[in-house]
Structures are given as C-alpha cells and as structure tokens.
Amino acid sequence: MEERPGTQSHTLVLKNRKKIQLTGVSDVISFDSAQILLETSSGMLMVKGDQLHMSRLTVENGEVNVEGKVDSLIYSDTHKASKQAGKIIGRLFK
C-alpha cells in the first residue's frame, strides 16, 4: 500500500506475540482488553488478543506500544473520514 503524502511512515514490530511497537499512528479509535482499533498512515489496524493494554501512547508522535497476548493483526485500506466511519469499521471487524 502506498503511503499518503505528508504522513508519517508506519512501522510495526511484534516481539514474541506479547509486545507491539507501532509508529505512524494518527488516532486510537477504540480499545479494550480484547481488541484495539488504530488509524495508521498505512490504513486501519485491528489488534485482537487477550489482556491487551497500551503501555505507551504518544499520538502526537504517532507512537503506541501494546502489551498482552496478540492473536491477530488485521489491516484495512479504509481510512477514517469521521467518527461514524470508525464505528462502521469497528462493526466490520467483529
């Protein structure tokens, strides 16, 4: 997927299915202990797992760290146009 002009590059580092380091995050749409939905410069990212929590959140810099048991990482090319779009995408991933 091509990066949009003027956006930060997106990286994802997964360590032992327990820790994720992310950059290029522009918004946290929703989160709970089983699912986190993030808007990144490479599209929407759904993280599913168990006992998930964000140990570091610096949206100003686009950095997020997630800890817990990671079961899946799902990308969607759809970018959030509004809060309504985030709700629709959230329902699609359920």
C-alpha atoms as a PDB file:
ATOM      1  CA  MET A   1       0.000   0.000   0.000  1.00  0.00           C
ATOM      2  CA  GLU A   2       1.261   3.422  -0.871  1.00  0.00           C
ATOM      3  CA  GLU A   3       1.860   5.935   1.895  1.00  0.00           C
ATOM      4  CA  ARG A   4      -0.207   9.101   1.698  1.00  0.00           C
ATOM      5  CA  PRO A   5       1.761  12.333   1.106  1.00  0.00           C
ATOM      6  CA  GLY A   6       2.530  14.300   4.258  1.00  0.00           C
ATOM      7  CA  THR A   7       2.029  11.345   6.584  1.00  0.00           C
ATOM      8  CA  GLN A   8       4.466   9.666   8.913  1.00  0.00           C
ATOM      9  CA  SER A   9       5.801   6.254   7.900  1.00  0.00           C
ATOM     10  CA  HIS A  10       4.251   3.274   9.653  1.00  0.00           C
ATOM     11  CA  THR A  11       6.220   0.513  11.337  1.00  0.00           C
ATOM     12  CA  LEU A  12       5.098  -2.433  13.406  1.00  0.00           C
ATOM     13  CA  VAL A  13       7.442  -4.580  15.491  1.00  0.00           C
ATOM     14  CA  LEU A  14       5.941  -7.669  17.140  1.00  0.00           C
ATOM     15  CA  LYS A  15       8.013  -9.427  19.815  1.00  0.00           C
ATOM     16  CA  ASN A  16       7.033 -12.963  20.881  1.00  0.00           C
ATOM     17  CA  ARG A  17       3.334 -12.213  20.294  1.00  0.00           C
ATOM     18  CA  LYS A  18       3.437 -10.225  23.567  1.00  0.00           C
ATOM     19  CA  LYS A  19       4.668  -6.729  22.694  1.00  0.00           C
ATOM     20  CA  ILE A  20       3.963  -4.457  19.730  1.00  0.00           C
ATOM     21  CA  GLN A  21       5.808  -1.227  18.965  1.00  0.00           C
ATOM     22  CA  LEU A  22       3.984   0.973  16.436  1.00  0.00           C
ATOM     23  CA  THR A  23       4.788   4.228  14.681  1.00  0.00           C
ATOM     24  CA  GLY A  24       2.695   6.166  12.193  1.00  0.00           C
ATOM     25  CA  VAL A  25      -0.435   6.028  14.376  1.00  0.00           C
ATOM     26  CA  SER A  26      -2.723   9.020  13.862  1.00  0.00           C
ATOM     27  CA  ASP A  27      -5.674   8.016  16.070  1.00  0.00           C
ATOM     28  CA  VAL A  28      -6.866   5.409  18.549  1.00  0.00           C
ATOM     29  CA  ILE A  29     -10.439   4.629  17.525  1.00  0.00           C
ATOM     30  CA  SER A  30     -11.296   2.149  20.277  1.00  0.00           C
ATOM     31  CA  PHE A  31      -9.637  -0.176  22.727  1.00  0.00           C
ATOM     32  CA  ASP A  32     -10.386  -2.757  25.375  1.00  0.00           C
ATOM     33  CA  SER A  33      -8.604  -5.825  26.706  1.00  0.00           C
ATOM     34  CA  ALA A  34      -9.603  -7.953  23.683  1.00  0.00           C
ATOM     35  CA  GLN A  35      -9.379  -5.545  20.734  1.00  0.00           C
ATOM     36  CA  ILE A  36      -7.652  -2.299  19.722  1.00  0.00           C
ATOM     37  CA  LEU A  37      -8.542  -0.323  16.588  1.00  0.00           C
ATOM     38  CA  LEU A  38      -5.951   2.177  15.368  1.00  0.00           C
ATOM     39  CA  GLU A  39      -5.768   4.518  12.394  1.00  0.00           C
ATOM     40  CA  THR A  40      -2.282   4.421  10.890  1.00  0.00           C
ATOM     41  CA  SER A  41      -0.663   6.019   7.862  1.00  0.00           C
ATOM     42  CA  SER A  42      -0.978   2.598   6.171  1.00  0.00           C
ATOM     43  CA  GLY A  43      -4.687   2.110   6.920  1.00  0.00           C
ATOM     44  CA  MET A  44      -6.825   0.952   9.806  1.00  0.00           C
ATOM     45  CA  LEU A  45      -5.216  -1.664  12.059  1.00  0.00           C
ATOM     46  CA  MET A  46      -7.177  -4.052  14.270  1.00  0.00           C
ATOM     47  CA  VAL A  47      -5.223  -5.838  17.008  1.00  0.00           C
ATOM     48  CA  LYS A  48      -7.059  -8.759  18.616  1.00  0.00           C
ATOM     49  CA  GLY A  49      -5.917 -10.736  21.604  1.00  0.00           C
ATOM     50  CA  ASP A  50      -6.224 -11.187  25.341  1.00  0.00           C
ATOM     51  CA  GLN A  51      -5.314  -8.840  28.197  1.00  0.00           C
ATOM     52  CA  LEU A  52      -4.255  -6.131  25.735  1.00  0.00           C
ATOM     53  CA  HIS A  53      -3.249  -2.756  27.087  1.00  0.00           C
ATOM     54  CA  MET A  54      -1.408   0.251  25.740  1.00  0.00           C
ATOM     55  CA  SER A  55       1.737   0.675  27.804  1.00  0.00           C
ATOM     56  CA  ARG A  56       2.743   3.832  25.912  1.00  0.00           C
ATOM     57  CA  LEU A  57       0.570   6.163  23.890  1.00  0.00           C
ATOM     58  CA  THR A  58       2.070   9.232  22.215  1.00  0.00           C
ATOM     59  CA  VAL A  59      -0.353  10.081  19.422  1.00  0.00           C
ATOM     60  CA  GLU A  60       1.379  13.452  18.920  1.00  0.00           C
ATOM     61  CA  ASN A  61       4.444  11.494  17.765  1.00  0.00           C
ATOM     62  CA  GLY A  62       2.386   8.649  16.308  1.00  0.00           C
ATOM     63  CA  GLU A  63       3.852   6.054  18.695  1.00  0.00           C
ATOM     64  CA  VAL A  64       1.937   3.329  20.505  1.00  0.00           C
ATOM     65  CA  ASN A  65       3.157   0.299  22.467  1.00  0.00           C
ATOM     66  CA  VAL A  66       0.777  -2.578  23.141  1.00  0.00           C
ATOM     67  CA  GLU A  67       1.315  -5.447  25.573  1.00  0.00           C
ATOM     68  CA  GLY A  68      -0.675  -8.639  26.080  1.00  0.00           C
ATOM     69  CA  LYS A  69      -1.323 -11.841  24.130  1.00  0.00           C
ATOM     70  CA  VAL A  70      -1.625 -10.954  20.424  1.00  0.00           C
ATOM     71  CA  ASP A  71      -3.854 -13.302  18.406  1.00  0.00           C
ATOM     72  CA  SER A  72      -4.224 -11.333  15.167  1.00  0.00           C
ATOM     73  CA  LEU A  73      -3.276  -8.160  13.316  1.00  0.00           C
ATOM     74  CA  ILE A  74      -5.702  -7.087  10.597  1.00  0.00           C
ATOM     75  CA  TYR A  75      -5.205  -4.173   8.219  1.00  0.00           C
ATOM     76  CA  SER A  76      -7.899  -2.437   6.213  1.00  0.00           C
ATOM     77  CA  ASP A  77      -7.215   0.069   3.429  1.00  0.00           C
ATOM     78  CA  THR A  78     -10.133   2.182   4.607  1.00  0.00           C
ATOM     79  CA  HIS A  79      -9.092   5.390   6.381  1.00  0.00           C
ATOM     80  CA  LYS A  80     -11.328   7.054   8.937  1.00  0.00           C
ATOM     81  CA  ALA A  81     -13.208  10.005   7.462  1.00  0.00           C
ATOM     82  CA  SER A  82     -15.197  10.667  10.627  1.00  0.00           C
ATOM     83  CA  LYS A  83     -16.179   9.074  13.924  1.00  0.00           C
ATOM     84  CA  GLN A  84     -19.042   7.404  12.068  1.00  0.00           C
ATOM     85  CA  ALA A  85     -16.604   5.693   9.722  1.00  0.00           C
ATOM     86  CA  GLY A  86     -14.687   4.359  12.730  1.00  0.00           C
ATOM     87  CA  LYS A  87     -17.880   2.856  14.130  1.00  0.00           C
ATOM     88  CA  ILE A  88     -18.675   1.192  10.812  1.00  0.00           C
ATOM     89  CA  ILE A  89     -15.184  -0.298  10.538  1.00  0.00           C
ATOM     90  CA  GLY A  90     -15.411  -1.482  14.129  1.00  0.00           C
ATOM     91  CA  ARG A  91     -18.594  -3.374  13.297  1.00  0.00           C
ATOM     92  CA  LEU A  92     -16.985  -4.911  10.204  1.00  0.00           C
ATOM     93  CA  PHE A  93     -14.133  -6.372  12.249  1.00  0.00           C
ATOM     94  CA  LYS A  94     -16.415  -8.026  14.854  1.00  0.00           C
END
